[in-house]
Amino acid sequence: MEKNNCIGCIVSECKFHARTEDYCTLDKIQVTKHENTATSTECTDCGSFKRQ
């Protein structure tokens, strides 16, 4: 799969990580939140993550 230059990613444990560079290979990702109102970075995650 080819890297998406628009989505940087350092999560090498993800199935969609580009492997040779810190990018995602998906065309788009879904960002999710853990609370009704996100008030910090820690309240959000990549919902497109899939374990290798």
PDB file of N, CA and C in Angstrom:
ATOM      1  N   MET A   1       0.851  -1.195   0.000  1.00  0.00           N
ATOM      2  CA  MET A   1       0.000   0.000   0.000  1.00  0.00           C
ATOM      3  C   MET A   1       0.886   1.245   0.000  1.00  0.00           C
ATOM      4  N   GLU A   2       0.436   2.248  -0.655  1.00  0.00           N
ATOM      5  CA  GLU A   2       1.193   3.482  -0.788  1.00  0.00           C
ATOM      6  C   GLU A   2       0.848   4.459   0.327  1.00  0.00           C
ATOM      7  N   LYS A   3       1.834   5.221   0.785  1.00  0.00           N
ATOM      8  CA  LYS A   3       1.603   6.186   1.860  1.00  0.00           C
ATOM      9  C   LYS A   3       0.728   7.342   1.385  1.00  0.00           C
ATOM     10  N   ASN A   4      -0.004   7.912   2.324  1.00  0.00           N
ATOM     11  CA  ASN A   4      -0.805   9.098   2.075  1.00  0.00           C
ATOM     12  C   ASN A   4      -0.045  10.261   2.701  1.00  0.00           C
ATOM     13  N   ASN A   5       0.518  11.126   1.876  1.00  0.00           N
ATOM     14  CA  ASN A   5       1.322  12.251   2.367  1.00  0.00           C
ATOM     15  C   ASN A   5       0.533  13.226   3.234  1.00  0.00           C
ATOM     16  N   CYS A   6      -0.782  13.135   3.211  1.00  0.00           N
ATOM     17  CA  CYS A   6      -1.627  14.040   3.989  1.00  0.00           C
ATOM     18  C   CYS A   6      -1.917  13.535   5.401  1.00  0.00           C
ATOM     19  N   ILE A   7      -1.586  12.248   5.685  1.00  0.00           N
ATOM     20  CA  ILE A   7      -1.877  11.685   7.005  1.00  0.00           C
ATOM     21  C   ILE A   7      -0.592  11.126   7.607  1.00  0.00           C
ATOM     22  N   GLY A   8       0.040  11.904   8.462  1.00  0.00           N
ATOM     23  CA  GLY A   8       1.214  11.428   9.186  1.00  0.00           C
ATOM     24  C   GLY A   8       0.781  10.508  10.310  1.00  0.00           C
ATOM     25  N   CYS A   9       1.582   9.472  10.593  1.00  0.00           N
ATOM     26  CA  CYS A   9       1.235   8.510  11.638  1.00  0.00           C
ATOM     27  C   CYS A   9       2.497   7.844  12.171  1.00  0.00           C
ATOM     28  N   ILE A  10       2.618   7.752  13.501  1.00  0.00           N
ATOM     29  CA  ILE A  10       3.763   7.082  14.114  1.00  0.00           C
ATOM     30  C   ILE A  10       3.374   5.760  14.772  1.00  0.00           C
ATOM     31  N   VAL A  11       2.152   5.300  14.554  1.00  0.00           N
ATOM     32  CA  VAL A  11       1.657   4.082  15.202  1.00  0.00           C
ATOM     33  C   VAL A  11       2.014   2.873  14.328  1.00  0.00           C
ATOM     34  N   SER A  12       3.228   2.374  14.493  1.00  0.00           N
ATOM     35  CA  SER A  12       3.712   1.273  13.653  1.00  0.00           C
ATOM     36  C   SER A  12       2.976  -0.040  13.917  1.00  0.00           C
ATOM     37  N   GLU A  13       2.232  -0.140  15.015  1.00  0.00           N
ATOM     38  CA  GLU A  13       1.453  -1.339  15.310  1.00  0.00           C
ATOM     39  C   GLU A  13       0.167  -1.441  14.486  1.00  0.00           C
ATOM     40  N   CYS A  14      -0.159  -0.381  13.776  1.00  0.00           N
ATOM     41  CA  CYS A  14      -1.384  -0.346  12.982  1.00  0.00           C
ATOM     42  C   CYS A  14      -1.179  -1.025  11.622  1.00  0.00           C
ATOM     43  N   LYS A  15      -2.198  -1.743  11.190  1.00  0.00           N
ATOM     44  CA  LYS A  15      -2.206  -2.419   9.893  1.00  0.00           C
ATOM     45  C   LYS A  15      -1.999  -1.439   8.738  1.00  0.00           C
ATOM     46  N   PHE A  16      -2.410  -0.191   8.910  1.00  0.00           N
ATOM     47  CA  PHE A  16      -2.371   0.795   7.830  1.00  0.00           C
ATOM     48  C   PHE A  16      -1.138   1.699   7.847  1.00  0.00           C
ATOM     49  N   HIS A  17      -0.191   1.451   8.758  1.00  0.00           N
ATOM     50  CA  HIS A  17       1.055   2.240   8.810  1.00  0.00           C
ATOM     51  C   HIS A  17       1.880   1.936   7.564  1.00  0.00           C
ATOM     52  N   ALA A  18       2.549   2.939   7.004  1.00  0.00           N
ATOM     53  CA  ALA A  18       3.292   2.787   5.753  1.00  0.00           C
ATOM     54  C   ALA A  18       4.600   1.994   5.897  1.00  0.00           C
ATOM     55  N   ARG A  19       4.985   1.626   7.088  1.00  0.00           N
ATOM     56  CA  ARG A  19       6.169   0.811   7.398  1.00  0.00           C
ATOM     57  C   ARG A  19       7.503   1.529   7.218  1.00  0.00           C
ATOM     58  N   THR A  20       7.835   1.966   6.029  1.00  0.00           N
ATOM     59  CA  THR A  20       9.146   2.577   5.802  1.00  0.00           C
ATOM     60  C   THR A  20       9.184   4.056   6.162  1.00  0.00           C
ATOM     61  N   GLU A  21       8.014   4.669   6.310  1.00  0.00           N
ATOM     62  CA  GLU A  21       7.916   6.080   6.683  1.00  0.00           C
ATOM     63  C   GLU A  21       6.729   6.258   7.620  1.00  0.00           C
ATOM     64  N   ASP A  22       6.745   7.341   8.396  1.00  0.00           N
ATOM     65  CA  ASP A  22       5.680   7.586   9.376  1.00  0.00           C
ATOM     66  C   ASP A  22       4.462   8.255   8.748  1.00  0.00           C
ATOM     67  N   TYR A  23       3.743   7.460   7.943  1.00  0.00           N
ATOM     68  CA  TYR A  23       2.527   7.901   7.281  1.00  0.00           C
ATOM     69  C   TYR A  23       1.495   6.783   7.326  1.00  0.00           C
ATOM     70  N   CYS A  24       0.241   7.156   7.106  1.00  0.00           N
ATOM     71  CA  CYS A  24      -0.857   6.208   6.989  1.00  0.00           C
ATOM     72  C   CYS A  24      -1.053   5.877   5.508  1.00  0.00           C
ATOM     73  N   THR A  25      -1.575   4.689   5.234  1.00  0.00           N
ATOM     74  CA  THR A  25      -1.826   4.306   3.843  1.00  0.00           C
ATOM     75  C   THR A  25      -3.302   4.448   3.442  1.00  0.00           C
ATOM     76  N   LEU A  26      -4.155   4.826   4.392  1.00  0.00           N
ATOM     77  CA  LEU A  26      -5.575   5.005   4.075  1.00  0.00           C
ATOM     78  C   LEU A  26      -5.814   6.310   3.326  1.00  0.00           C
ATOM     79  N   ASP A  27      -6.900   6.371   2.566  1.00  0.00           N
ATOM     80  CA  ASP A  27      -7.294   7.607   1.875  1.00  0.00           C
ATOM     81  C   ASP A  27      -7.860   8.620   2.855  1.00  0.00           C
ATOM     82  N   LYS A  28      -8.516   8.115   3.914  1.00  0.00           N
ATOM     83  CA  LYS A  28      -9.051   8.978   4.958  1.00  0.00           C
ATOM     84  C   LYS A  28      -9.118   8.184   6.245  1.00  0.00           C
ATOM     85  N   ILE A  29      -9.123   8.875   7.373  1.00  0.00           N
ATOM     86  CA  ILE A  29      -9.251   8.235   8.678  1.00  0.00           C
ATOM     87  C   ILE A  29     -10.457   8.808   9.398  1.00  0.00           C
ATOM     88  N   GLN A  30     -10.910   8.087  10.403  1.00  0.00           N
ATOM     89  CA  GLN A  30     -12.013   8.555  11.239  1.00  0.00           C
ATOM     90  C   GLN A  30     -11.436   8.907  12.609  1.00  0.00           C
ATOM     91  N   VAL A  31     -11.536  10.151  13.005  1.00  0.00           N
ATOM     92  CA  VAL A  31     -11.090  10.573  14.331  1.00  0.00           C
ATOM     93  C   VAL A  31     -12.269  10.463  15.285  1.00  0.00           C
ATOM     94  N   THR A  32     -12.038   9.817  16.427  1.00  0.00           N
ATOM     95  CA  THR A  32     -13.103   9.606  17.405  1.00  0.00           C
ATOM     96  C   THR A  32     -12.775  10.322  18.708  1.00  0.00           C
ATOM     97  N   LYS A  33     -13.770  10.418  19.587  1.00  0.00           N
ATOM     98  CA  LYS A  33     -13.537  11.029  20.898  1.00  0.00           C
ATOM     99  C   LYS A  33     -14.093  10.129  21.992  1.00  0.00           C
ATOM    100  N   HIS A  34     -13.545  10.290  23.194  1.00  0.00           N
ATOM    101  CA  HIS A  34     -13.909   9.454  24.336  1.00  0.00           C
ATOM    102  C   HIS A  34     -14.977  10.078  25.222  1.00  0.00           C
ATOM    103  N   GLU A  35     -15.242  11.352  25.042  1.00  0.00           N
ATOM    104  CA  GLU A  35     -16.181  12.078  25.891  1.00  0.00           C
ATOM    105  C   GLU A  35     -17.163  12.844  25.014  1.00  0.00           C
ATOM    106  N   ASN A  36     -18.247  13.314  25.589  1.00  0.00           N
ATOM    107  CA  ASN A  36     -19.231  14.081  24.813  1.00  0.00           C
ATOM    108  C   ASN A  36     -18.614  15.326  24.209  1.00  0.00           C
ATOM    109  N   THR A  37     -17.747  15.990  24.967  1.00  0.00           N
ATOM    110  CA  THR A  37     -17.063  17.190  24.497  1.00  0.00           C
ATOM    111  C   THR A  37     -15.563  16.988  24.630  1.00  0.00           C
ATOM    112  N   ALA A  38     -14.858  16.979  23.527  1.00  0.00           N
ATOM    113  CA  ALA A  38     -13.403  16.830  23.560  1.00  0.00           C
ATOM    114  C   ALA A  38     -12.778  18.152  23.993  1.00  0.00           C
ATOM    115  N   THR A  39     -11.970  18.102  25.032  1.00  0.00           N
ATOM    116  CA  THR A  39     -11.340  19.319  25.550  1.00  0.00           C
ATOM    117  C   THR A  39      -9.823  19.279  25.463  1.00  0.00           C
ATOM    118  N   SER A  40      -9.255  18.151  24.982  1.00  0.00           N
ATOM    119  CA  SER A  40      -7.801  18.035  24.840  1.00  0.00           C
ATOM    120  C   SER A  40      -7.478  16.935  23.830  1.00  0.00           C
ATOM    121  N   THR A  41      -6.236  16.872  23.428  1.00  0.00           N
ATOM    122  CA  THR A  41      -5.775  15.839  22.500  1.00  0.00           C
ATOM    123  C   THR A  41      -6.025  14.451  23.057  1.00  0.00           C
ATOM    124  N   GLU A  42      -5.860  14.294  24.363  1.00  0.00           N
ATOM    125  CA  GLU A  42      -6.041  12.998  25.018  1.00  0.00           C
ATOM    126  C   GLU A  42      -7.471  12.467  24.916  1.00  0.00           C
ATOM    127  N   CYS A  43      -8.414  13.318  24.587  1.00  0.00           N
ATOM    128  CA  CYS A  43      -9.823  12.920  24.456  1.00  0.00           C
ATOM    129  C   CYS A  43     -10.132  12.323  23.090  1.00  0.00           C
ATOM    130  N   THR A  44      -9.150  12.315  22.183  1.00  0.00           N
ATOM    131  CA  THR A  44      -9.392  11.853  20.816  1.00  0.00           C
ATOM    132  C   THR A  44      -8.468  10.700  20.431  1.00  0.00           C
ATOM    133  N   ASP A  45      -8.875   9.937  19.434  1.00  0.00           N
ATOM    134  CA  ASP A  45      -8.097   8.809  18.917  1.00  0.00           C
ATOM    135  C   ASP A  45      -8.397   8.605  17.438  1.00  0.00           C
ATOM    136  N   CYS A  46      -7.532   7.829  16.789  1.00  0.00           N
ATOM    137  CA  CYS A  46      -7.800   7.423  15.416  1.00  0.00           C
ATOM    138  C   CYS A  46      -8.730   6.217  15.454  1.00  0.00           C
ATOM    139  N   GLY A  47      -9.934   6.382  14.983  1.00  0.00           N
ATOM    140  CA  GLY A  47     -10.917   5.304  14.964  1.00  0.00           C
ATOM    141  C   GLY A  47     -10.687   4.317  13.833  1.00  0.00           C
ATOM    142  N   SER A  48      -9.733   4.592  12.954  1.00  0.00           N
ATOM    143  CA  SER A  48      -9.444   3.707  11.839  1.00  0.00           C
ATOM    144  C   SER A  48      -8.367   2.681  12.184  1.00  0.00           C
ATOM    145  N   PHE A  49      -7.820   2.740  13.375  1.00  0.00           N
ATOM    146  CA  PHE A  49      -6.754   1.824  13.797  1.00  0.00           C
ATOM    147  C   PHE A  49      -7.197   0.372  13.733  1.00  0.00           C
ATOM    148  N   LYS A  50      -6.339  -0.454  13.146  1.00  0.00           N
ATOM    149  CA  LYS A  50      -6.530  -1.913  13.163  1.00  0.00           C
ATOM    150  C   LYS A  50      -5.176  -2.527  13.480  1.00  0.00           C
ATOM    151  N   ARG A  51      -5.159  -3.435  14.424  1.00  0.00           N
ATOM    152  CA  ARG A  51      -3.923  -4.095  14.816  1.00  0.00           C
ATOM    153  C   ARG A  51      -3.415  -4.964  13.671  1.00  0.00           C
ATOM    154  N   GLN A  52      -2.110  -5.014  13.503  1.00  0.00           N
ATOM    155  CA  GLN A  52      -1.510  -5.851  12.449  1.00  0.00           C
ATOM    156  C   GLN A  52      -1.837  -7.299  12.642  1.00  0.00           C
TER     157      GLN A  52
END
